[in-house]
Amino acid sequence: MVASRLIQYGQRGGISLLETDVPPPGPGQVQVRVTACGVCSWDIWTFRHGQSPDQPTPPGHEAVGRVHAVGAGVEDARVGELVAVKGGGFCDFCNIAARKAYPLSVGLLPDEHWSVEPVSCVVTALDHLTLPAGARVGVVGCGFMGLLLVQALSRCLLGDLTVADNNEWRIKRAKEMGAKRTVTPEDRRNLDCCIDCTGRQSGLALATELVRPGGTVVIFGWKREPLGDLGTDWHMKGLTVLNPTPFCKKRDVFPPAIRLIEAGHVTPGAIITHTAPLTRITDLLEEACHRSGGYIKGIVLTD
């Protein structure tokens, strides 16, 4: 047994920091000592509104750590190996299936810069997009996920990469990462594809307005608001609407996400704005809720 701190969401919001004992890993499992875990918009939502009974949310799902112990029958994992974890999260130790622990290049980046799970979502989106050479593409919302998409899209043979956001600092960061320009009145019904990363009805409405008839709208941000009359707009403009969530992935997206980070094509570490130890996770989530201090991405450190 190893002692571990563990975060638990409240049914009506907030979190509790608990202590528990984690047993040795079972057959086919590895035990990971978590060193860093990213804060997702799902975490922020659950912190504010509470755990949903029909959509149980694991506390943190962007974990990185070191293999601490190996269960029976596991041959491809080594103690001390740095891995990205499908699961784990806001805790010190977790036991997971060995196939859900992906080896990373030790020493290439600080642990907290390996935001593999968010980059895997970008891979899923790109796998579902058909972007011919010279395509005019827009990204609405330049938060963490929007900026990751900008980084990835800037490597494609696009004719134009346009961004929209109500924050000038985020627009500046998007241009530093490869965006060519911001939305102008001339962009209306001009783009071949527009990706909404805001998670808001207003952002999706703008993406719909920016796309030419016959173009493509991509719902990338997690929508928690009614869509209004957008269905009518999609129908009358003859738009293709994509919803590339992790549930529709075409392959295991962690390995290509890791390769993109290793190659420097996508650099999550460049967008991290806040870090905090596990004991201060409440403060970090409060900052994330209010977008204070220029917040874009928070990382919880357990060491």
Protein backbone atom coordinates (compact mmCIF):
# COMPACT_ATOMS: atom_id res chain seq x y z
CA MET A 1 0.00 0.00 0.00
CA VAL A 2 1.08 3.57 -0.67
CA ALA A 3 -0.51 6.65 0.89
CA SER A 4 -2.04 9.04 -1.62
CA ARG A 5 -3.89 12.31 -1.57
CA LEU A 6 -7.00 12.36 -3.74
CA ILE A 7 -9.35 15.07 -4.98
CA GLN A 8 -13.10 14.46 -4.87
CA TYR A 9 -15.72 16.74 -6.45
CA GLY A 10 -18.77 17.76 -4.47
CA GLN A 11 -22.29 17.06 -5.72
CA ARG A 12 -23.03 20.78 -5.68
CA GLY A 13 -19.61 22.10 -6.56
CA GLY A 14 -16.31 22.53 -4.79
CA ILE A 15 -13.77 19.86 -3.98
CA SER A 16 -12.36 17.95 -1.05
CA LEU A 17 -8.78 16.79 -0.53
CA LEU A 18 -8.85 13.28 0.90
CA GLU A 19 -6.23 10.75 1.91
CA THR A 20 -6.40 7.10 0.93
CA ASP A 21 -4.27 3.98 0.55
CA VAL A 22 -3.62 2.69 -2.93
CA PRO A 23 -3.00 -1.08 -3.18
CA PRO A 24 -0.23 -2.58 -5.33
CA PRO A 25 -1.05 -2.78 -9.04
CA GLY A 26 -2.99 -5.85 -10.11
CA PRO A 27 -2.24 -8.14 -13.06
CA GLY A 28 -1.86 -6.13 -16.26
CA GLN A 29 -1.65 -2.85 -14.33
CA VAL A 30 1.01 -0.30 -13.53
CA GLN A 31 1.08 2.03 -10.58
CA VAL A 32 1.92 5.61 -11.54
CA ARG A 33 3.21 8.33 -9.25
CA VAL A 34 1.51 11.36 -10.79
CA THR A 35 3.77 14.41 -11.16
CA ALA A 36 1.51 16.80 -13.12
CA CYS A 37 -2.06 17.01 -14.38
CA GLY A 38 -3.72 19.64 -16.51
CA VAL A 39 -6.95 21.41 -15.57
CA CYS A 40 -9.59 20.82 -18.26
CA SER A 41 -12.71 22.90 -18.88
CA TRP A 42 -14.61 19.84 -17.64
CA ASP A 43 -12.82 20.17 -14.29
CA ILE A 44 -13.68 23.87 -14.11
CA TRP A 45 -17.34 23.19 -14.92
CA THR A 46 -17.60 20.42 -12.32
CA PHE A 47 -15.88 22.54 -9.69
CA ARG A 48 -18.44 25.30 -10.25
CA HIS A 49 -21.60 23.26 -10.74
CA GLY A 50 -21.01 19.88 -9.10
CA GLN A 51 -20.65 16.31 -10.18
CA SER A 52 -23.31 15.26 -12.68
CA PRO A 53 -24.90 11.85 -11.91
CA ASP A 54 -25.31 11.03 -15.60
CA GLN A 55 -21.84 12.33 -16.59
CA PRO A 56 -19.47 11.31 -13.79
CA THR A 57 -16.25 13.26 -14.15
CA PRO A 58 -12.94 11.84 -12.96
CA PRO A 59 -10.96 14.49 -11.08
CA GLY A 60 -8.31 15.36 -13.64
CA HIS A 61 -7.67 13.33 -16.78
CA GLU A 62 -4.55 14.94 -18.27
CA ALA A 63 -2.00 13.21 -16.08
CA VAL A 64 1.72 12.60 -16.48
CA GLY A 65 3.87 10.65 -14.05
CA ARG A 66 6.47 7.99 -13.37
CA VAL A 67 5.88 4.26 -13.21
CA HIS A 68 6.19 3.38 -9.53
CA ALA A 69 5.36 -0.33 -9.61
CA VAL A 70 4.45 -2.97 -12.19
CA GLY A 71 1.80 -5.66 -11.86
CA ALA A 72 2.03 -9.29 -12.89
CA GLY A 73 2.19 -9.97 -16.60
CA VAL A 74 3.33 -6.48 -17.58
CA GLU A 75 6.45 -6.64 -19.74
CA ASP A 76 6.61 -3.29 -21.56
CA ALA A 77 6.76 -0.92 -18.58
CA ARG A 78 9.77 -0.06 -16.44
CA VAL A 79 9.86 1.44 -12.95
CA GLY A 80 10.87 5.11 -13.22
CA GLU A 81 9.63 5.46 -16.80
CA LEU A 82 7.85 8.74 -17.66
CA VAL A 83 4.36 8.13 -19.02
CA ALA A 84 1.24 9.96 -20.12
CA VAL A 85 -1.81 8.45 -18.49
CA LYS A 86 -5.33 7.87 -19.74
CA GLY A 87 -7.01 8.45 -16.39
CA GLY A 88 -5.28 9.14 -13.10
CA GLY A 89 -5.40 12.83 -12.42
CA PHE A 90 -5.52 14.86 -9.26
CA CYS A 91 -3.86 12.40 -6.92
CA ASP A 92 -0.40 11.17 -5.91
CA PHE A 93 -0.70 7.55 -7.04
CA CYS A 94 -3.06 5.62 -9.32
CA ASN A 95 -3.32 2.09 -10.69
CA ILE A 96 -4.22 1.84 -14.35
CA ALA A 97 -4.12 -0.72 -17.14
CA ALA A 98 -0.59 -0.85 -18.56
CA ARG A 99 -1.97 -0.19 -22.06
CA LYS A 100 -3.19 3.22 -20.84
CA ALA A 101 0.31 4.37 -19.87
CA TYR A 102 2.20 5.81 -22.84
CA PRO A 103 6.00 6.19 -22.65
CA LEU A 104 7.41 9.69 -23.10
CA SER A 105 10.89 10.97 -23.92
CA VAL A 106 12.61 11.52 -20.58
CA GLY A 107 14.39 14.87 -20.31
CA LEU A 108 12.96 16.32 -23.51
CA LEU A 109 10.46 18.55 -21.66
CA PRO A 110 9.42 19.32 -18.08
CA ASP A 111 6.73 16.88 -16.94
CA GLU A 112 4.07 19.59 -16.84
CA HIS A 113 4.61 20.37 -20.55
CA TRP A 114 3.42 16.91 -21.65
CA SER A 115 -0.27 17.77 -22.10
CA VAL A 116 -0.86 14.70 -24.24
CA GLU A 117 -4.59 14.27 -23.69
CA PRO A 118 -5.56 17.75 -24.99
CA VAL A 119 -3.27 17.32 -28.01
CA SER A 120 -4.94 13.95 -28.66
CA CYS A 121 -8.24 15.84 -28.99
CA VAL A 122 -6.61 18.05 -31.63
CA VAL A 123 -5.50 14.90 -33.46
CA THR A 124 -9.08 13.61 -33.43
CA ALA A 125 -10.32 16.88 -34.92
CA LEU A 126 -7.69 16.86 -37.66
CA ASP A 127 -8.48 13.23 -38.46
CA HIS A 128 -12.09 14.22 -39.21
CA LEU A 129 -11.28 17.34 -41.22
CA THR A 130 -10.72 17.37 -44.94
CA LEU A 131 -8.59 20.44 -45.59
CA PRO A 132 -7.46 20.73 -49.20
CA ALA A 133 -4.33 22.73 -49.96
CA GLY A 134 -5.08 26.44 -49.86
CA ALA A 135 -8.17 26.10 -47.67
CA ARG A 136 -9.33 29.18 -45.73
CA VAL A 137 -9.76 28.15 -42.10
CA GLY A 138 -10.93 30.01 -39.02
CA VAL A 139 -10.64 29.33 -35.29
CA VAL A 140 -13.13 31.00 -32.94
CA GLY A 141 -11.85 31.15 -29.37
CA CYS A 142 -8.15 31.33 -28.57
CA GLY A 143 -8.06 29.64 -25.20
CA PHE A 144 -5.83 26.65 -24.58
CA MET A 145 -7.53 24.27 -27.02
CA GLY A 146 -7.95 26.98 -29.66
CA LEU A 147 -4.25 27.85 -29.47
CA LEU A 148 -3.28 24.17 -29.74
CA LEU A 149 -5.38 23.99 -32.90
CA VAL A 150 -3.76 27.14 -34.25
CA GLN A 151 -0.34 25.59 -33.71
CA ALA A 152 -1.34 22.40 -35.52
CA LEU A 153 -3.19 24.14 -38.37
CA SER A 154 -0.26 26.47 -38.98
CA ARG A 155 1.66 23.37 -40.10
CA CYS A 156 -0.96 22.57 -42.76
CA LEU A 157 -0.90 23.95 -46.32
CA LEU A 158 -3.63 26.51 -45.69
CA GLY A 159 -4.36 29.54 -47.79
CA ASP A 160 -5.36 31.49 -44.71
CA LEU A 161 -5.69 30.98 -40.96
CA THR A 162 -8.02 33.48 -39.29
CA VAL A 163 -8.78 33.73 -35.56
CA ALA A 164 -11.46 35.41 -33.49
CA ASP A 165 -11.43 36.16 -29.77
CA ASN A 166 -12.57 39.00 -27.51
CA ASN A 167 -9.20 39.16 -25.74
CA GLU A 168 -6.36 41.01 -27.47
CA TRP A 169 -3.66 39.17 -25.53
CA ARG A 170 -4.97 35.80 -26.71
CA ILE A 171 -5.18 37.13 -30.28
CA LYS A 172 -1.55 38.21 -30.00
CA ARG A 173 -0.57 34.72 -28.83
CA ALA A 174 -2.50 33.15 -31.72
CA LYS A 175 -0.60 35.28 -34.23
CA GLU A 176 2.69 34.34 -32.61
CA MET A 177 1.71 30.71 -33.09
CA GLY A 178 0.84 30.93 -36.77
CA ALA A 179 -2.49 32.72 -37.25
CA LYS A 180 -2.36 35.18 -40.14
CA ARG A 181 -5.13 37.62 -39.25
CA THR A 182 -8.22 38.31 -37.18
CA VAL A 183 -11.83 38.38 -38.33
CA THR A 184 -12.88 41.35 -40.46
CA PRO A 185 -16.30 42.24 -41.92
CA GLU A 186 -15.10 40.87 -45.26
CA ASP A 187 -14.73 37.40 -43.75
CA ARG A 188 -18.47 36.84 -43.53
CA ARG A 189 -19.37 33.73 -45.54
CA ASN A 190 -15.83 33.57 -46.81
CA LEU A 191 -14.09 30.73 -44.95
CA ASP A 192 -14.09 27.14 -46.15
CA CYS A 193 -14.02 25.79 -42.59
CA CYS A 194 -14.43 27.36 -39.17
CA ILE A 195 -13.75 25.64 -35.84
CA ASP A 196 -15.53 26.85 -32.71
CA CYS A 197 -13.49 26.34 -29.53
CA THR A 198 -15.51 28.58 -27.21
CA GLY A 199 -18.07 26.12 -25.89
CA ARG A 200 -20.67 28.88 -26.23
CA GLN A 201 -23.65 29.38 -28.50
CA SER A 202 -22.36 32.81 -29.51
CA GLY A 203 -19.05 31.36 -30.64
CA LEU A 204 -20.72 28.66 -32.69
CA ALA A 205 -23.03 31.27 -34.21
CA LEU A 206 -20.01 33.33 -35.29
CA ALA A 207 -18.34 30.26 -36.77
CA THR A 208 -21.54 29.54 -38.69
CA GLU A 209 -21.64 33.12 -40.00
CA LEU A 210 -18.00 33.07 -41.10
CA VAL A 211 -18.30 29.93 -43.23
CA ARG A 212 -19.22 30.16 -46.90
CA PRO A 213 -22.27 28.27 -48.23
CA GLY A 214 -21.32 24.63 -48.60
CA GLY A 215 -18.46 24.96 -46.11
CA THR A 216 -17.77 23.16 -42.83
CA VAL A 217 -18.44 24.12 -39.21
CA VAL A 218 -16.62 22.20 -36.50
CA ILE A 219 -18.01 21.97 -32.95
CA PHE A 220 -14.78 21.56 -30.98
CA GLY A 221 -15.64 23.27 -27.69
CA TRP A 222 -17.89 21.42 -25.25
CA LYS A 223 -21.36 22.94 -25.70
CA ARG A 224 -23.42 23.49 -22.57
CA GLU A 225 -25.96 25.98 -23.99
CA PRO A 226 -28.95 25.66 -26.32
CA LEU A 227 -28.01 26.00 -30.00
CA GLY A 228 -30.92 28.31 -30.85
CA ASP A 229 -31.75 28.54 -34.57
CA LEU A 230 -28.35 27.42 -35.79
CA GLY A 231 -29.85 24.27 -37.29
CA THR A 232 -31.78 26.45 -39.71
CA ASP A 233 -28.62 28.34 -40.68
CA TRP A 234 -26.73 25.10 -41.21
CA HIS A 235 -29.53 23.78 -43.40
CA MET A 236 -30.03 26.91 -45.51
CA LYS A 237 -26.27 27.34 -46.12
CA GLY A 238 -25.81 23.65 -46.86
CA LEU A 239 -23.07 23.32 -44.24
CA THR A 240 -21.29 20.19 -43.13
CA VAL A 241 -21.24 20.12 -39.32
CA LEU A 242 -18.59 18.03 -37.56
CA ASN A 243 -18.49 17.13 -33.88
CA PRO A 244 -15.10 15.44 -33.38
CA THR A 245 -15.24 14.52 -29.69
CA PRO A 246 -12.93 11.84 -28.26
CA PHE A 247 -15.82 9.38 -28.53
CA CYS A 248 -15.57 9.37 -32.34
CA LYS A 249 -11.82 8.95 -32.66
CA LYS A 250 -10.67 6.92 -35.66
CA ARG A 251 -7.56 5.48 -33.98
CA ASP A 252 -5.56 5.53 -30.78
CA VAL A 253 -4.72 9.25 -30.78
CA PHE A 254 -2.19 9.30 -27.93
CA PRO A 255 0.81 8.05 -29.98
CA PRO A 256 0.42 10.67 -32.76
CA ALA A 257 -0.20 13.36 -30.13
CA ILE A 258 3.06 12.41 -28.43
CA ARG A 259 4.89 12.52 -31.76
CA LEU A 260 3.53 16.01 -32.49
CA ILE A 261 4.83 17.25 -29.13
CA GLU A 262 8.19 15.52 -29.56
CA ALA A 263 8.60 17.09 -33.01
CA GLY A 264 7.78 20.54 -31.67
CA HIS A 265 4.80 20.97 -34.02
CA VAL A 266 2.52 21.50 -31.01
CA THR A 267 3.94 23.01 -27.81
CA PRO A 268 1.44 22.89 -24.92
CA GLY A 269 4.08 24.15 -22.50
CA ALA A 270 4.15 27.50 -24.29
CA ILE A 271 0.51 28.13 -23.32
CA ILE A 272 0.66 27.24 -19.61
CA THR A 273 -0.08 30.31 -17.53
CA HIS A 274 -0.70 28.94 -14.04
CA THR A 275 0.67 26.12 -11.88
CA ALA A 276 -0.11 25.12 -8.31
CA PRO A 277 0.57 22.24 -5.92
CA LEU A 278 -2.20 19.80 -5.20
CA THR A 279 -2.80 21.48 -1.83
CA ARG A 280 -3.71 24.74 -3.63
CA ILE A 281 -5.94 23.26 -6.30
CA THR A 282 -8.97 25.19 -5.01
CA ASP A 283 -7.15 28.49 -5.57
CA LEU A 284 -6.13 27.39 -9.05
CA LEU A 285 -9.66 26.40 -10.00
CA GLU A 286 -11.00 29.70 -8.66
CA GLU A 287 -8.54 31.55 -10.91
CA ALA A 288 -9.61 29.37 -13.83
CA CYS A 289 -13.30 30.08 -13.18
CA HIS A 290 -12.76 33.85 -13.23
CA ARG A 291 -10.03 33.86 -15.90
CA SER A 292 -7.99 36.01 -13.53
CA GLY A 293 -4.33 36.83 -14.03
CA GLY A 294 -4.43 36.14 -17.76
CA TYR A 295 -5.44 32.53 -17.15
CA ILE A 296 -5.35 30.18 -20.16
CA LYS A 297 -4.13 26.84 -18.82
CA GLY A 298 -3.50 25.55 -15.32
CA ILE A 299 -1.39 22.59 -14.25
CA VAL A 300 -1.54 20.84 -10.87
CA LEU A 301 1.83 19.64 -9.60
CA THR A 302 1.96 16.87 -7.02
CA ASP A 303 5.68 16.91 -6.18
